[in-house]
Amino acid sequence: MIIKNKDAYKTIKEVAELLNLINPKTGKVSTHTIRFWENEFKQIKPKIFAGKRRYYDNKTIKVLKNIKFLL
């Protein structure tokens, strides 16, 4: 496992693992939940770089944690 700087951008998979968004049947990470929340909540604004990959900063991750808590 690669150890990143705590201020580095994180991929959608890393964020889903932080939020414990794991499908109980398959045991795989559910990244589609985060993409759905992006459509529903305008406060979620990931950085989209080349290749249309989503990268999340600490501020956005905090918003995602709050949304999960409230839901």
N, C-alpha and C. Protein backbone atom coordinates (compact mmCIF):
# COMPACT_ATOMS: atom_id res chain seq x y z
N MET A 1 0.84 -1.18 0.00
CA MET A 1 0.00 0.00 0.00
C MET A 1 0.89 1.25 0.00
N ILE A 2 0.55 2.19 -0.84
CA ILE A 2 1.31 3.43 -0.95
C ILE A 2 0.83 4.40 0.12
N ILE A 3 1.76 4.98 0.83
CA ILE A 3 1.41 5.96 1.86
C ILE A 3 1.54 7.34 1.25
N LYS A 4 0.43 8.09 1.28
CA LYS A 4 0.41 9.44 0.72
C LYS A 4 0.49 10.48 1.81
N ASN A 5 0.85 11.66 1.42
CA ASN A 5 0.79 12.81 2.30
C ASN A 5 -0.67 13.02 2.69
N LYS A 6 -0.94 13.39 3.91
CA LYS A 6 -2.34 13.52 4.34
C LYS A 6 -3.08 14.63 3.61
N ASP A 7 -2.36 15.58 3.00
CA ASP A 7 -3.00 16.66 2.25
C ASP A 7 -3.12 16.34 0.77
N ALA A 8 -2.65 15.19 0.34
CA ALA A 8 -2.69 14.83 -1.08
C ALA A 8 -4.14 14.50 -1.49
N TYR A 9 -4.42 14.71 -2.77
CA TYR A 9 -5.73 14.34 -3.30
C TYR A 9 -5.89 12.83 -3.24
N LYS A 10 -7.12 12.40 -3.01
CA LYS A 10 -7.40 10.97 -2.92
C LYS A 10 -8.34 10.56 -4.05
N THR A 11 -8.19 9.34 -4.52
CA THR A 11 -9.05 8.84 -5.59
C THR A 11 -10.41 8.47 -5.02
N ILE A 12 -11.35 8.22 -5.91
CA ILE A 12 -12.71 7.88 -5.48
C ILE A 12 -12.71 6.56 -4.72
N LYS A 13 -11.84 5.63 -5.10
CA LYS A 13 -11.76 4.35 -4.40
C LYS A 13 -11.24 4.54 -2.98
N GLU A 14 -10.21 5.37 -2.82
CA GLU A 14 -9.66 5.63 -1.49
C GLU A 14 -10.69 6.30 -0.59
N VAL A 15 -11.48 7.21 -1.15
CA VAL A 15 -12.51 7.90 -0.37
C VAL A 15 -13.61 6.92 0.03
N ALA A 16 -14.00 6.04 -0.88
CA ALA A 16 -15.03 5.05 -0.57
C ALA A 16 -14.55 4.12 0.55
N GLU A 17 -13.28 3.78 0.54
CA GLU A 17 -12.73 2.96 1.62
C GLU A 17 -12.72 3.71 2.94
N LEU A 18 -12.39 5.02 2.91
CA LEU A 18 -12.41 5.83 4.12
C LEU A 18 -13.82 5.91 4.72
N LEU A 19 -14.81 6.00 3.84
CA LEU A 19 -16.20 6.11 4.28
C LEU A 19 -16.83 4.76 4.57
N ASN A 20 -16.06 3.69 4.35
CA ASN A 20 -16.55 2.33 4.57
C ASN A 20 -17.77 2.02 3.70
N LEU A 21 -17.71 2.43 2.44
CA LEU A 21 -18.78 2.15 1.48
C LEU A 21 -18.44 0.85 0.75
N ILE A 22 -18.74 -0.26 1.41
CA ILE A 22 -18.40 -1.56 0.86
C ILE A 22 -19.68 -2.37 0.70
N ASN A 23 -19.83 -2.97 -0.46
CA ASN A 23 -21.00 -3.80 -0.74
C ASN A 23 -20.91 -5.06 0.13
N PRO A 24 -21.92 -5.30 0.98
CA PRO A 24 -21.83 -6.44 1.89
C PRO A 24 -21.90 -7.79 1.17
N LYS A 25 -22.52 -7.84 0.01
CA LYS A 25 -22.63 -9.11 -0.71
C LYS A 25 -21.33 -9.49 -1.41
N THR A 26 -20.72 -8.53 -2.07
CA THR A 26 -19.52 -8.82 -2.85
C THR A 26 -18.23 -8.48 -2.12
N GLY A 27 -18.29 -7.58 -1.16
CA GLY A 27 -17.10 -7.14 -0.45
C GLY A 27 -16.28 -6.12 -1.22
N LYS A 28 -16.82 -5.65 -2.35
CA LYS A 28 -16.10 -4.66 -3.16
C LYS A 28 -16.51 -3.25 -2.76
N VAL A 29 -15.65 -2.31 -3.08
CA VAL A 29 -15.88 -0.90 -2.76
C VAL A 29 -16.98 -0.35 -3.68
N SER A 30 -17.94 0.39 -3.10
CA SER A 30 -19.06 0.96 -3.85
C SER A 30 -18.79 2.42 -4.17
N THR A 31 -18.12 2.67 -5.28
CA THR A 31 -17.81 4.04 -5.67
C THR A 31 -19.02 4.72 -6.30
N HIS A 32 -19.99 3.94 -6.75
CA HIS A 32 -21.16 4.54 -7.40
C HIS A 32 -21.96 5.39 -6.42
N THR A 33 -21.88 5.09 -5.14
CA THR A 33 -22.60 5.88 -4.13
C THR A 33 -22.07 7.30 -4.11
N ILE A 34 -20.77 7.47 -4.19
CA ILE A 34 -20.17 8.81 -4.18
C ILE A 34 -20.56 9.56 -5.44
N ARG A 35 -20.55 8.87 -6.59
CA ARG A 35 -20.93 9.53 -7.84
C ARG A 35 -22.40 9.97 -7.79
N PHE A 36 -23.27 9.15 -7.17
CA PHE A 36 -24.67 9.53 -7.01
C PHE A 36 -24.80 10.76 -6.12
N TRP A 37 -24.06 10.78 -5.02
CA TRP A 37 -24.11 11.93 -4.11
C TRP A 37 -23.64 13.20 -4.81
N GLU A 38 -22.69 13.08 -5.73
CA GLU A 38 -22.23 14.26 -6.48
C GLU A 38 -23.38 14.89 -7.27
N ASN A 39 -24.26 14.06 -7.79
CA ASN A 39 -25.41 14.57 -8.55
C ASN A 39 -26.47 15.18 -7.63
N GLU A 40 -26.61 14.65 -6.44
CA GLU A 40 -27.65 15.10 -5.53
C GLU A 40 -27.25 16.30 -4.67
N PHE A 41 -25.99 16.37 -4.30
CA PHE A 41 -25.51 17.42 -3.40
C PHE A 41 -24.47 18.26 -4.12
N LYS A 42 -24.77 19.51 -4.36
CA LYS A 42 -23.88 20.39 -5.12
C LYS A 42 -22.65 20.82 -4.33
N GLN A 43 -22.60 20.51 -3.04
CA GLN A 43 -21.44 20.86 -2.22
C GLN A 43 -20.24 19.98 -2.53
N ILE A 44 -20.48 18.84 -3.18
CA ILE A 44 -19.39 17.91 -3.51
C ILE A 44 -18.83 18.32 -4.86
N LYS A 45 -17.59 18.78 -4.84
CA LYS A 45 -16.94 19.23 -6.07
C LYS A 45 -15.56 18.62 -6.17
N PRO A 46 -15.47 17.42 -6.73
CA PRO A 46 -14.14 16.82 -6.88
C PRO A 46 -13.35 17.51 -7.98
N LYS A 47 -12.05 17.40 -7.90
CA LYS A 47 -11.19 17.89 -8.97
C LYS A 47 -11.17 16.82 -10.05
N ILE A 48 -11.38 17.22 -11.28
CA ILE A 48 -11.36 16.27 -12.38
C ILE A 48 -10.21 16.66 -13.30
N PHE A 49 -9.20 15.79 -13.32
CA PHE A 49 -8.01 16.04 -14.12
C PHE A 49 -8.08 15.22 -15.40
N ALA A 50 -6.98 15.09 -16.08
CA ALA A 50 -6.91 14.36 -17.34
C ALA A 50 -7.45 12.94 -17.17
N GLY A 51 -8.15 12.48 -18.17
CA GLY A 51 -8.70 11.13 -18.11
C GLY A 51 -10.02 11.05 -17.36
N LYS A 52 -10.57 12.20 -16.98
CA LYS A 52 -11.85 12.28 -16.26
C LYS A 52 -11.86 11.49 -14.95
N ARG A 53 -10.72 11.43 -14.28
CA ARG A 53 -10.65 10.79 -12.97
C ARG A 53 -10.96 11.81 -11.90
N ARG A 54 -11.67 11.36 -10.89
CA ARG A 54 -12.06 12.25 -9.80
C ARG A 54 -11.03 12.17 -8.68
N TYR A 55 -10.67 13.34 -8.16
CA TYR A 55 -9.75 13.42 -7.03
C TYR A 55 -10.37 14.34 -5.98
N TYR A 56 -10.29 13.92 -4.72
CA TYR A 56 -10.96 14.62 -3.64
C TYR A 56 -9.94 15.18 -2.66
N ASP A 57 -10.17 16.43 -2.24
CA ASP A 57 -9.33 17.03 -1.22
C ASP A 57 -9.96 16.81 0.15
N ASN A 58 -9.26 17.22 1.20
CA ASN A 58 -9.75 16.97 2.56
C ASN A 58 -11.07 17.67 2.84
N LYS A 59 -11.27 18.86 2.28
CA LYS A 59 -12.52 19.59 2.49
C LYS A 59 -13.71 18.82 1.91
N THR A 60 -13.55 18.30 0.72
CA THR A 60 -14.62 17.54 0.07
C THR A 60 -14.87 16.23 0.81
N ILE A 61 -13.82 15.60 1.31
CA ILE A 61 -13.99 14.35 2.07
C ILE A 61 -14.77 14.61 3.35
N LYS A 62 -14.51 15.75 3.97
CA LYS A 62 -15.25 16.11 5.19
C LYS A 62 -16.74 16.29 4.88
N VAL A 63 -17.05 16.91 3.75
CA VAL A 63 -18.46 17.08 3.33
C VAL A 63 -19.10 15.71 3.11
N LEU A 64 -18.36 14.80 2.46
CA LEU A 64 -18.88 13.45 2.22
C LEU A 64 -19.14 12.71 3.53
N LYS A 65 -18.25 12.87 4.49
CA LYS A 65 -18.44 12.23 5.80
C LYS A 65 -19.69 12.77 6.49
N ASN A 66 -19.92 14.07 6.38
CA ASN A 66 -21.12 14.66 6.99
C ASN A 66 -22.38 14.17 6.31
N ILE A 67 -22.36 14.05 4.99
CA ILE A 67 -23.53 13.56 4.25
C ILE A 67 -23.83 12.13 4.67
N LYS A 68 -22.80 11.30 4.76
CA LYS A 68 -23.02 9.90 5.17
C LYS A 68 -23.61 9.85 6.58
N PHE A 69 -23.08 10.68 7.47
CA PHE A 69 -23.59 10.70 8.83
C PHE A 69 -25.06 11.11 8.87
N LEU A 70 -25.42 12.12 8.10
CA LEU A 70 -26.79 12.62 8.12
C LEU A 70 -27.78 11.66 7.43
N LEU A 71 -27.29 10.87 6.48
CA LEU A 71 -28.17 9.91 5.82
C LEU A 71 -28.29 8.66 6.65
